[in-house]
């Protein structure tokens, strides 16, 4: 009797076929064409644990394709931060954005962080990135913010260990920045279930308490209540999957095809037809607009086991995108942005 073929082996084979037999580019698409630049663009730092879940990769491409945002700096955090910086650098080089600096945050062993996109960077040397790479990304972040002539928006899609360290080194960065974070679970958890200890919180709750108590110009969060419901399906996804003439979107889908057979917390056998949950993309959207969400100002307490709970007496004040006004409109907008339309 022949040996059983593992699910991972089947998915790896399917992913390889997908990469080598991709559909033709979408008609009318201009290869790699950026969206029109607006009169004023918001200086942005993307703080990320890129390379474990695939949504950070989608979010980085979204930032690069959002005409309102001017990405200046990528800071990696949690686990193997050099690995994460290497993915960011390769994506930025493909996008023609080596003007963006990459900072390597403090590495950590506080949580098991699988390197799900590692095959995609095989043979790529971080030292060869044409832009600036800072081994001490925390110091580089502080220097960038303190030297900025205008307020900076930090889009945080990670546990915030390195951001807390930056605040320890220079507390004056907070009043110069807006903090937009993908953190927490208020009334809804993963998969629409009960409130959960959301990953970006439970990895380092003490660091998030420090960050949320800092005197930022503004704090807005997307918890699982909103970001946990977002994905691209149907034509929204098909248009991305078929954009083979766009080098950046091709790199995005290549990463997804590498990720799908390696991820261990779900059976990602649907990667040819839809995305995974795109948690971090909601934080990117909130850096530009809040028109499609309902926000509430509330007082939140971060528990030692990683829960985000209402606490009017002792909580820190934050604005929270708690519900959608029109999630379908956001998903359609996300697809258009990724396509550079």
Foldseek 3Di string as FASTA:
>chain_A
DDDDDDLLNVLLVVLVCCLVPFAAADPPFDALDAADADPEAAEEEEEEQPQQDLLVLLQVLLQVRDNNHDYAEYEYDEAQQVLRQLLVLVLCVLSVNLNHEYERFDHDDLDDGDRQQNVLCVPPDPVPRPHHYHPHRLVVVLVVLVPDPAAHEYQYEAQCPSVLVSCVVPLVSQQRYEYQYAAAFEQAPAPRHGGDLDHSCQSDVVSVQSVLPRNHPAFEYEYCLAQNVDKDFDPLVSNLSNNCSHSSSSSSLSSVSSNQSPRDPDNNPCSSTMDHRNNSNVSSVVVPDCVFFDKDWFFWDADNNRHTYGDRVDGRIHIYRNGTNDNPVVSNVSSCSSSND
